[in-house]
């Protein structure tokens, strides 16, 4: 059965970006040792959901590219944004439940990846709609920044379902809800 997965990298102290949305601390690790793992994850993804800040960051970093091809990608926003040509990007707003229903339909049996943006992931968690969290903890502390999962209330207990150790000291922990 398809799952809703928050797949993200975090600092040891629970931040996914600096306060000004920079990822230099993360990008400095390189991604060669993570690529096969990421490719296996992506093989199961049928649709993506992200917030507009994540979308804006991706577009600013790669203005002439879109790494997700035609994979359906729903961007939560209240602003007028422009999608890159010949991609699966569309813009949505409103409650998270109908957004998930649309993403699940577009995923065609594949998983729904909640990309970056702790606030978007927190909306899914607060609504009880996250099935799994895949968090790769990088061996660095930021002290402050954008929180990993700023939920409105405590979540239910999660179960550790897997771990992966990477070269360079990073470690992924995979949790299932409930």
N, C-alpha and C. Protein backbone atom coordinates (compact mmCIF):
# COMPACT_ATOMS: atom_id res chain seq x y z
N UNK A 1 0.84 -1.19 0.00
CA UNK A 1 0.00 0.00 0.00
C UNK A 1 0.88 1.25 0.00
N UNK A 2 0.46 2.26 -0.74
CA UNK A 2 1.22 3.50 -0.83
C UNK A 2 1.25 4.21 0.53
N UNK A 3 2.34 4.94 0.75
CA UNK A 3 2.54 5.63 2.02
C UNK A 3 2.80 7.11 1.78
N UNK A 4 2.56 7.89 2.82
CA UNK A 4 2.91 9.31 2.84
C UNK A 4 4.18 9.40 3.69
N UNK A 5 5.27 9.83 3.06
CA UNK A 5 6.58 9.80 3.70
C UNK A 5 7.21 11.20 3.71
N UNK A 6 7.63 11.63 4.89
CA UNK A 6 8.42 12.84 5.02
C UNK A 6 9.88 12.38 5.00
N UNK A 7 10.56 12.64 3.89
CA UNK A 7 11.93 12.22 3.66
C UNK A 7 12.77 13.48 3.62
N UNK A 8 13.71 13.63 4.58
CA UNK A 8 14.38 14.91 4.75
C UNK A 8 15.73 14.72 5.44
N UNK A 9 16.62 15.69 5.26
CA UNK A 9 17.88 15.73 6.00
C UNK A 9 17.74 16.77 7.10
N UNK A 10 18.39 16.51 8.22
CA UNK A 10 18.31 17.41 9.38
C UNK A 10 19.67 17.52 10.04
N UNK A 11 19.88 18.66 10.69
CA UNK A 11 21.05 18.78 11.55
C UNK A 11 20.79 17.95 12.80
N UNK A 12 21.83 17.69 13.57
CA UNK A 12 21.67 16.92 14.80
C UNK A 12 20.71 17.58 15.78
N UNK A 13 20.65 18.91 15.73
CA UNK A 13 19.77 19.61 16.66
C UNK A 13 18.40 19.93 16.07
N UNK A 14 18.03 19.26 14.99
CA UNK A 14 16.66 19.30 14.50
C UNK A 14 16.27 20.43 13.58
N UNK A 15 17.22 20.91 12.76
CA UNK A 15 16.90 21.96 11.79
C UNK A 15 17.16 21.45 10.37
N UNK A 16 16.27 21.85 9.45
CA UNK A 16 16.40 21.42 8.05
C UNK A 16 16.98 22.50 7.15
N UNK A 17 17.09 23.70 7.67
CA UNK A 17 17.70 24.82 6.95
C UNK A 17 18.05 25.89 7.97
N UNK A 18 18.88 26.83 7.57
CA UNK A 18 19.17 27.96 8.45
C UNK A 18 17.95 28.87 8.50
N UNK A 19 17.98 29.88 9.33
CA UNK A 19 16.85 30.80 9.45
C UNK A 19 16.54 31.50 8.13
N UNK A 20 17.57 31.70 7.29
CA UNK A 20 17.36 32.34 5.99
C UNK A 20 17.27 31.32 4.85
N UNK A 21 16.86 30.10 5.19
CA UNK A 21 16.60 29.01 4.23
C UNK A 21 17.82 28.55 3.45
N UNK A 22 19.00 28.67 4.01
CA UNK A 22 20.20 28.21 3.33
C UNK A 22 20.51 26.76 3.70
N UNK A 23 21.10 26.05 2.74
CA UNK A 23 21.46 24.64 2.94
C UNK A 23 22.94 24.39 2.74
N UNK A 24 23.76 25.43 2.81
CA UNK A 24 25.20 25.26 2.61
C UNK A 24 25.77 24.21 3.56
N UNK A 25 25.29 24.17 4.78
CA UNK A 25 25.75 23.21 5.79
C UNK A 25 25.50 21.78 5.32
N UNK A 26 24.44 21.57 4.55
CA UNK A 26 24.08 20.24 4.06
C UNK A 26 24.78 19.92 2.75
N UNK A 27 24.77 20.87 1.84
CA UNK A 27 25.33 20.64 0.51
C UNK A 27 26.83 20.38 0.55
N UNK A 28 27.48 20.85 1.60
CA UNK A 28 28.92 20.62 1.74
C UNK A 28 29.29 19.17 1.96
N UNK A 29 28.33 18.33 2.30
CA UNK A 29 28.62 16.91 2.51
C UNK A 29 28.73 16.14 1.20
N UNK A 30 28.25 16.71 0.10
CA UNK A 30 28.24 15.98 -1.16
C UNK A 30 27.18 14.89 -1.11
N UNK A 31 26.78 14.41 -2.25
CA UNK A 31 25.69 13.44 -2.26
C UNK A 31 26.05 12.12 -2.92
N UNK A 32 27.33 11.93 -3.21
CA UNK A 32 27.75 10.69 -3.86
C UNK A 32 27.39 9.46 -3.02
N UNK A 33 27.60 9.54 -1.72
CA UNK A 33 27.35 8.37 -0.87
C UNK A 33 25.86 8.16 -0.61
N UNK A 34 25.03 9.14 -0.95
CA UNK A 34 23.59 9.04 -0.73
C UNK A 34 22.82 8.69 -2.01
N UNK A 35 23.45 8.81 -3.17
CA UNK A 35 22.74 8.74 -4.45
C UNK A 35 21.98 7.43 -4.66
N UNK A 36 22.62 6.29 -4.44
CA UNK A 36 21.92 5.01 -4.63
C UNK A 36 20.72 4.89 -3.71
N UNK A 37 20.89 5.30 -2.47
CA UNK A 37 19.80 5.25 -1.49
C UNK A 37 18.64 6.14 -1.95
N UNK A 38 18.95 7.34 -2.38
CA UNK A 38 17.95 8.29 -2.88
C UNK A 38 17.25 7.71 -4.11
N UNK A 39 18.00 7.15 -5.02
CA UNK A 39 17.40 6.57 -6.23
C UNK A 39 16.42 5.45 -5.89
N UNK A 40 16.76 4.62 -4.93
CA UNK A 40 15.84 3.55 -4.50
C UNK A 40 14.58 4.15 -3.88
N UNK A 41 14.74 5.18 -3.06
CA UNK A 41 13.58 5.86 -2.49
C UNK A 41 12.70 6.42 -3.59
N UNK A 42 13.30 7.14 -4.53
CA UNK A 42 12.55 7.79 -5.60
C UNK A 42 11.82 6.79 -6.49
N UNK A 43 12.34 5.58 -6.62
CA UNK A 43 11.69 4.57 -7.46
C UNK A 43 10.29 4.24 -6.95
N UNK A 44 10.03 4.46 -5.66
CA UNK A 44 8.72 4.17 -5.09
C UNK A 44 7.80 5.38 -5.00
N UNK A 45 8.29 6.56 -5.40
CA UNK A 45 7.51 7.78 -5.27
C UNK A 45 6.64 7.99 -6.51
N UNK A 46 5.35 8.23 -6.27
CA UNK A 46 4.42 8.50 -7.36
C UNK A 46 3.99 9.94 -7.46
N UNK A 47 4.15 10.70 -6.37
CA UNK A 47 3.77 12.12 -6.35
C UNK A 47 4.51 12.81 -5.22
N UNK A 48 4.63 14.12 -5.36
CA UNK A 48 5.35 14.96 -4.40
C UNK A 48 4.41 16.06 -3.91
N UNK A 49 4.54 16.41 -2.63
CA UNK A 49 3.87 17.59 -2.08
C UNK A 49 4.95 18.43 -1.41
N UNK A 50 4.95 19.73 -1.70
CA UNK A 50 5.91 20.64 -1.07
C UNK A 50 5.26 21.98 -0.85
N UNK A 51 5.86 22.79 0.00
CA UNK A 51 5.40 24.14 0.22
C UNK A 51 6.05 25.11 -0.75
N UNK A 52 5.52 26.31 -0.80
CA UNK A 52 6.01 27.29 -1.76
C UNK A 52 7.43 27.77 -1.44
N UNK A 53 7.81 27.77 -0.15
CA UNK A 53 9.18 28.18 0.17
C UNK A 53 10.19 27.17 -0.37
N UNK A 54 9.88 25.89 -0.25
CA UNK A 54 10.76 24.86 -0.80
C UNK A 54 10.80 24.98 -2.32
N UNK A 55 9.64 25.16 -2.92
CA UNK A 55 9.57 25.33 -4.38
C UNK A 55 10.41 26.53 -4.82
N UNK A 56 10.24 27.67 -4.14
CA UNK A 56 11.02 28.87 -4.48
C UNK A 56 12.51 28.61 -4.36
N UNK A 57 12.92 27.89 -3.31
CA UNK A 57 14.35 27.60 -3.11
C UNK A 57 14.87 26.74 -4.26
N UNK A 58 14.14 25.69 -4.60
CA UNK A 58 14.56 24.81 -5.70
C UNK A 58 14.68 25.60 -7.00
N UNK A 59 13.69 26.42 -7.30
CA UNK A 59 13.71 27.20 -8.55
C UNK A 59 14.86 28.21 -8.55
N UNK A 60 15.17 28.80 -7.39
CA UNK A 60 16.27 29.76 -7.33
C UNK A 60 17.61 29.06 -7.53
N UNK A 61 17.74 27.84 -6.99
CA UNK A 61 18.98 27.09 -7.12
C UNK A 61 19.16 26.53 -8.52
N UNK A 62 18.07 26.17 -9.18
CA UNK A 62 18.12 25.56 -10.51
C UNK A 62 17.08 26.21 -11.41
N UNK A 63 17.27 27.47 -11.79
CA UNK A 63 16.23 28.17 -12.56
C UNK A 63 15.92 27.55 -13.91
N UNK A 64 16.85 26.82 -14.49
CA UNK A 64 16.63 26.24 -15.80
C UNK A 64 16.46 24.72 -15.77
N UNK A 65 16.21 24.17 -14.58
CA UNK A 65 16.10 22.71 -14.46
C UNK A 65 14.98 22.37 -13.48
N UNK A 66 14.48 21.17 -13.60
CA UNK A 66 13.51 20.63 -12.64
C UNK A 66 13.83 19.16 -12.48
N UNK A 67 14.38 18.79 -11.33
CA UNK A 67 14.89 17.43 -11.10
C UNK A 67 13.83 16.34 -11.07
N UNK A 68 12.56 16.72 -10.96
CA UNK A 68 11.52 15.71 -10.79
C UNK A 68 10.76 15.38 -12.07
N UNK A 69 11.22 15.89 -13.20
CA UNK A 69 10.61 15.57 -14.48
C UNK A 69 9.12 15.83 -14.50
N UNK A 70 8.36 14.84 -14.96
CA UNK A 70 6.90 14.97 -15.05
C UNK A 70 6.18 14.35 -13.84
N UNK A 71 6.94 13.96 -12.83
CA UNK A 71 6.35 13.41 -11.62
C UNK A 71 5.36 14.44 -11.05
N UNK A 72 4.12 14.03 -10.75
CA UNK A 72 3.17 15.00 -10.19
C UNK A 72 3.72 15.64 -8.93
N UNK A 73 3.67 16.96 -8.88
CA UNK A 73 4.19 17.73 -7.75
C UNK A 73 3.18 18.81 -7.40
N UNK A 74 2.59 18.69 -6.23
CA UNK A 74 1.64 19.69 -5.75
C UNK A 74 2.37 20.66 -4.84
N UNK A 75 2.29 21.94 -5.17
CA UNK A 75 2.94 22.98 -4.37
C UNK A 75 1.85 23.74 -3.62
N UNK A 76 1.93 23.71 -2.29
CA UNK A 76 0.97 24.44 -1.46
C UNK A 76 1.34 25.92 -1.44
N UNK A 77 0.41 26.77 -1.89
CA UNK A 77 0.70 28.20 -1.93
C UNK A 77 -0.58 29.01 -2.01
N UNK A 78 -0.49 30.25 -1.58
CA UNK A 78 -1.59 31.20 -1.74
C UNK A 78 -1.20 32.27 -2.76
N UNK A 79 -0.02 32.11 -3.34
CA UNK A 79 0.49 33.09 -4.30
C UNK A 79 0.34 32.56 -5.72
N UNK A 80 0.43 33.46 -6.67
CA UNK A 80 0.46 33.08 -8.08
C UNK A 80 1.90 32.73 -8.43
N UNK A 81 2.14 31.49 -8.81
CA UNK A 81 3.48 31.04 -9.19
C UNK A 81 3.41 30.44 -10.58
N UNK A 82 4.56 30.32 -11.20
CA UNK A 82 4.63 29.77 -12.55
C UNK A 82 5.38 28.45 -12.50
N UNK A 83 4.79 27.43 -13.11
CA UNK A 83 5.41 26.11 -13.16
C UNK A 83 6.40 26.03 -14.32
N UNK A 84 7.49 25.30 -14.13
CA UNK A 84 8.41 25.08 -15.25
C UNK A 84 7.67 24.32 -16.37
N UNK A 85 8.01 24.62 -17.61
CA UNK A 85 7.37 23.96 -18.75
C UNK A 85 7.60 22.46 -18.72
N UNK A 86 6.61 21.72 -19.15
CA UNK A 86 6.69 20.27 -19.32
C UNK A 86 7.09 19.53 -18.04
N UNK A 87 6.47 19.94 -16.94
CA UNK A 87 6.69 19.26 -15.66
C UNK A 87 5.33 18.86 -15.10
N UNK A 88 5.35 18.15 -14.00
CA UNK A 88 4.11 17.77 -13.33
C UNK A 88 3.71 18.72 -12.22
N UNK A 89 4.24 19.94 -12.22
CA UNK A 89 4.00 20.90 -11.15
C UNK A 89 2.62 21.53 -11.30
N UNK A 90 1.87 21.54 -10.20
CA UNK A 90 0.63 22.31 -10.13
C UNK A 90 0.55 22.93 -8.74
N UNK A 91 -0.27 23.95 -8.62
CA UNK A 91 -0.35 24.72 -7.39
C UNK A 91 -1.72 24.52 -6.75
N UNK A 92 -1.71 24.31 -5.43
CA UNK A 92 -2.94 24.02 -4.69
C UNK A 92 -2.95 24.82 -3.40
N UNK A 93 -4.14 24.95 -2.84
CA UNK A 93 -4.27 25.58 -1.53
C UNK A 93 -5.44 24.93 -0.82
N UNK A 94 -5.52 25.18 0.47
CA UNK A 94 -6.63 24.65 1.24
C UNK A 94 -6.17 23.64 2.27
N UNK A 95 -7.14 22.92 2.80
CA UNK A 95 -6.86 21.92 3.83
C UNK A 95 -5.99 20.80 3.30
N UNK A 96 -5.21 20.22 4.18
CA UNK A 96 -4.23 19.21 3.79
C UNK A 96 -4.88 17.89 3.35
N UNK A 97 -6.04 17.54 3.91
CA UNK A 97 -6.70 16.28 3.56
C UNK A 97 -7.05 16.20 2.07
N UNK A 98 -7.72 17.21 1.49
CA UNK A 98 -7.99 17.13 0.05
C UNK A 98 -6.72 17.19 -0.80
N UNK A 99 -5.71 17.89 -0.32
CA UNK A 99 -4.43 17.91 -1.04
C UNK A 99 -3.84 16.51 -1.07
N UNK A 100 -3.88 15.81 0.06
CA UNK A 100 -3.38 14.44 0.10
C UNK A 100 -4.21 13.53 -0.80
N UNK A 101 -5.53 13.69 -0.80
CA UNK A 101 -6.38 12.86 -1.66
C UNK A 101 -6.00 13.04 -3.12
N UNK A 102 -5.75 14.29 -3.54
CA UNK A 102 -5.34 14.56 -4.91
C UNK A 102 -3.96 13.95 -5.18
N UNK A 103 -3.02 14.15 -4.27
CA UNK A 103 -1.67 13.60 -4.45
C UNK A 103 -1.71 12.08 -4.55
N UNK A 104 -2.52 11.45 -3.71
CA UNK A 104 -2.64 9.98 -3.73
C UNK A 104 -3.20 9.51 -5.06
N UNK A 105 -4.21 10.21 -5.56
CA UNK A 105 -4.78 9.84 -6.86
C UNK A 105 -3.74 9.99 -7.97
N UNK A 106 -2.99 11.10 -7.94
CA UNK A 106 -1.97 11.35 -8.95
C UNK A 106 -0.81 10.36 -8.85
N UNK A 107 -0.55 9.85 -7.65
CA UNK A 107 0.58 8.94 -7.41
C UNK A 107 0.37 7.58 -8.06
N UNK A 108 -0.84 7.23 -8.40
CA UNK A 108 -1.10 5.98 -9.10
C UNK A 108 -0.58 4.74 -8.37
N UNK A 109 -0.73 4.70 -7.07
CA UNK A 109 -0.26 3.56 -6.29
C UNK A 109 1.13 3.73 -5.72
N UNK A 110 1.85 4.78 -6.14
CA UNK A 110 3.17 5.06 -5.58
C UNK A 110 3.05 5.85 -4.30
N UNK A 111 4.16 5.99 -3.61
CA UNK A 111 4.20 6.76 -2.37
C UNK A 111 4.08 8.25 -2.65
N UNK A 112 3.62 9.00 -1.64
CA UNK A 112 3.58 10.45 -1.70
C UNK A 112 4.73 10.95 -0.83
N UNK A 113 5.63 11.72 -1.44
CA UNK A 113 6.78 12.27 -0.73
C UNK A 113 6.48 13.70 -0.32
N UNK A 114 6.50 13.96 0.98
CA UNK A 114 6.41 15.31 1.51
C UNK A 114 7.85 15.84 1.53
N UNK A 115 8.13 16.80 0.63
CA UNK A 115 9.49 17.28 0.42
C UNK A 115 9.76 18.50 1.28
N UNK A 116 10.88 18.44 2.01
CA UNK A 116 11.35 19.62 2.72
C UNK A 116 10.23 20.37 3.42
N UNK A 117 10.48 21.51 3.90
CA UNK A 117 9.44 22.30 4.54
C UNK A 117 8.84 21.64 5.75
N UNK A 118 9.44 21.86 6.89
CA UNK A 118 8.92 21.30 8.13
C UNK A 118 7.49 21.72 8.39
N UNK A 119 7.10 22.93 7.97
CA UNK A 119 5.73 23.39 8.20
C UNK A 119 4.72 22.53 7.44
N UNK A 120 5.02 22.17 6.22
CA UNK A 120 4.12 21.32 5.44
C UNK A 120 4.06 19.93 6.07
N UNK A 121 5.21 19.38 6.41
CA UNK A 121 5.23 18.07 7.06
C UNK A 121 4.46 18.10 8.37
N UNK A 122 4.56 19.20 9.12
CA UNK A 122 3.84 19.32 10.38
C UNK A 122 2.33 19.34 10.15
N UNK A 123 1.88 19.94 9.06
CA UNK A 123 0.45 19.92 8.75
C UNK A 123 -0.03 18.47 8.55
N UNK A 124 0.77 17.68 7.83
CA UNK A 124 0.43 16.27 7.64
C UNK A 124 0.44 15.54 8.98
N UNK A 125 1.47 15.78 9.79
CA UNK A 125 1.57 15.11 11.10
C UNK A 125 0.42 15.51 12.01
N UNK A 126 0.11 16.80 12.06
CA UNK A 126 -0.98 17.27 12.92
C UNK A 126 -2.32 16.65 12.53
N UNK A 127 -2.50 16.37 11.24
CA UNK A 127 -3.74 15.76 10.76
C UNK A 127 -3.70 14.24 10.84
N UNK A 128 -2.58 13.68 11.33
CA UNK A 128 -2.45 12.22 11.42
C UNK A 128 -2.29 11.56 10.07
N UNK A 129 -1.70 12.27 9.11
CA UNK A 129 -1.62 11.77 7.73
C UNK A 129 -0.22 11.34 7.30
N UNK A 130 0.77 11.41 8.19
CA UNK A 130 2.12 10.93 7.85
C UNK A 130 2.22 9.47 8.24
N UNK A 131 2.60 8.64 7.28
CA UNK A 131 2.79 7.22 7.58
C UNK A 131 4.20 6.95 8.09
N UNK A 132 5.18 7.61 7.46
CA UNK A 132 6.57 7.37 7.84
C UNK A 132 7.37 8.67 7.79
N UNK A 133 8.41 8.73 8.59
CA UNK A 133 9.40 9.80 8.56
C UNK A 133 10.75 9.16 8.30
N UNK A 134 11.45 9.62 7.27
CA UNK A 134 12.80 9.15 6.95
C UNK A 134 13.70 10.36 7.15
N UNK A 135 14.44 10.39 8.23
CA UNK A 135 15.24 11.55 8.58
C UNK A 135 16.72 11.18 8.55
N UNK A 136 17.48 11.83 7.68
CA UNK A 136 18.92 11.63 7.65
C UNK A 136 19.56 12.73 8.48
N UNK A 137 20.10 12.33 9.62
CA UNK A 137 20.76 13.28 10.51
C UNK A 137 22.20 13.46 10.07
N UNK A 138 22.54 14.71 9.79
CA UNK A 138 23.89 15.06 9.37
C UNK A 138 24.70 15.43 10.61
N UNK A 139 26.00 15.10 10.62
CA UNK A 139 26.83 15.33 11.80
C UNK A 139 27.25 16.80 11.95
N UNK A 140 26.25 17.65 12.17
CA UNK A 140 26.48 19.08 12.37
C UNK A 140 25.31 19.64 13.17
N UNK A 141 25.59 20.62 14.01
CA UNK A 141 24.54 21.33 14.75
C UNK A 141 24.50 22.77 14.24
N UNK A 142 23.30 23.30 14.09
CA UNK A 142 23.14 24.66 13.57
C UNK A 142 22.84 25.68 14.66
N UNK A 143 22.27 25.26 15.77
CA UNK A 143 21.94 26.18 16.85
C UNK A 143 20.59 26.85 16.69
N UNK A 144 20.19 27.10 15.48
CA UNK A 144 18.86 27.66 15.18
C UNK A 144 18.62 27.51 13.69
N UNK A 145 17.37 27.69 13.31
CA UNK A 145 17.02 27.56 11.90
C UNK A 145 15.58 27.15 11.73
N UNK A 146 15.30 26.51 10.60
CA UNK A 146 13.96 26.03 10.28
C UNK A 146 13.77 24.65 10.91
N UNK A 147 12.79 24.50 11.80
CA UNK A 147 12.64 23.24 12.53
C UNK A 147 12.23 22.07 11.64
N UNK A 148 12.68 20.92 12.03
CA UNK A 148 12.41 19.67 11.34
C UNK A 148 10.92 19.37 11.26
N UNK A 149 10.20 19.50 12.36
CA UNK A 149 8.79 19.13 12.39
C UNK A 149 8.07 19.95 13.46
N UNK A 150 7.73 21.21 13.15
CA UNK A 150 7.11 22.09 14.15
C UNK A 150 5.61 21.81 14.33
N UNK A 151 5.30 20.68 14.92
CA UNK A 151 3.90 20.28 15.11
C UNK A 151 3.21 21.19 16.13
N UNK A 152 1.88 21.25 16.03
CA UNK A 152 1.09 22.08 16.93
C UNK A 152 0.88 21.42 18.28
N UNK A 153 0.96 20.09 18.30
CA UNK A 153 0.75 19.32 19.54
C UNK A 153 1.61 18.07 19.46
N UNK A 154 1.87 17.44 20.58
CA UNK A 154 2.68 16.21 20.54
C UNK A 154 2.05 15.15 19.62
N UNK A 155 2.91 14.45 18.92
CA UNK A 155 2.44 13.37 18.05
C UNK A 155 2.26 12.11 18.89
N UNK A 156 1.60 11.15 18.32
CA UNK A 156 1.59 9.83 18.95
C UNK A 156 2.97 9.22 18.84
N UNK A 157 3.20 8.19 19.59
CA UNK A 157 4.50 7.52 19.58
C UNK A 157 4.77 6.90 18.22
N UNK A 158 6.00 7.01 17.75
CA UNK A 158 6.40 6.43 16.48
C UNK A 158 7.34 5.26 16.74
N UNK A 159 7.35 4.32 15.79
CA UNK A 159 8.20 3.14 15.91
C UNK A 159 9.40 3.27 14.97
N UNK A 160 10.57 2.97 15.47
CA UNK A 160 11.76 2.92 14.62
C UNK A 160 11.66 1.66 13.77
N UNK A 161 11.70 1.83 12.44
CA UNK A 161 11.56 0.68 11.55
C UNK A 161 12.81 0.41 10.72
N UNK A 162 13.81 1.28 10.81
CA UNK A 162 15.03 1.03 10.07
C UNK A 162 16.07 2.12 10.27
N UNK A 163 17.30 1.76 9.99
CA UNK A 163 18.41 2.71 10.07
C UNK A 163 19.35 2.45 8.90
N UNK A 164 20.03 3.50 8.47
CA UNK A 164 21.06 3.39 7.46
C UNK A 164 22.20 4.32 7.85
N UNK A 165 23.41 3.80 7.86
CA UNK A 165 24.59 4.62 8.15
C UNK A 165 25.27 4.94 6.84
N UNK A 166 25.67 6.19 6.66
CA UNK A 166 26.33 6.65 5.44
C UNK A 166 27.78 7.03 5.74
N UNK A 167 28.62 6.98 4.71
CA UNK A 167 29.98 7.49 4.84
C UNK A 167 29.92 8.96 5.25
N UNK A 168 30.85 9.40 6.03
CA UNK A 168 30.89 10.80 6.44
C UNK A 168 30.15 11.06 7.74
N UNK A 169 29.54 10.05 8.33
CA UNK A 169 28.93 10.22 9.65
C UNK A 169 27.43 10.44 9.68
N UNK A 170 26.78 10.55 8.52
CA UNK A 170 25.32 10.73 8.52
C UNK A 170 24.63 9.42 8.82
N UNK A 171 23.45 9.52 9.42
CA UNK A 171 22.66 8.32 9.75
C UNK A 171 21.19 8.62 9.50
N UNK A 172 20.55 7.71 8.78
CA UNK A 172 19.11 7.85 8.52
C UNK A 172 18.35 6.99 9.52
N UNK A 173 17.32 7.58 10.12
CA UNK A 173 16.40 6.85 10.98
C UNK A 173 15.04 6.88 10.31
N UNK A 174 14.41 5.72 10.20
CA UNK A 174 13.09 5.62 9.59
C UNK A 174 12.08 5.24 10.68
N UNK A 175 11.03 6.04 10.77
CA UNK A 175 10.00 5.84 11.77
C UNK A 175 8.65 5.63 11.09
N UNK A 176 7.82 4.79 11.67
CA UNK A 176 6.43 4.62 11.24
C UNK A 176 5.51 5.20 12.31
N UNK A 177 4.45 5.82 11.87
CA UNK A 177 3.46 6.35 12.82
C UNK A 177 2.72 5.19 13.46
N UNK A 178 2.34 5.41 14.70
CA UNK A 178 1.51 4.43 15.42
C UNK A 178 2.17 3.23 15.83
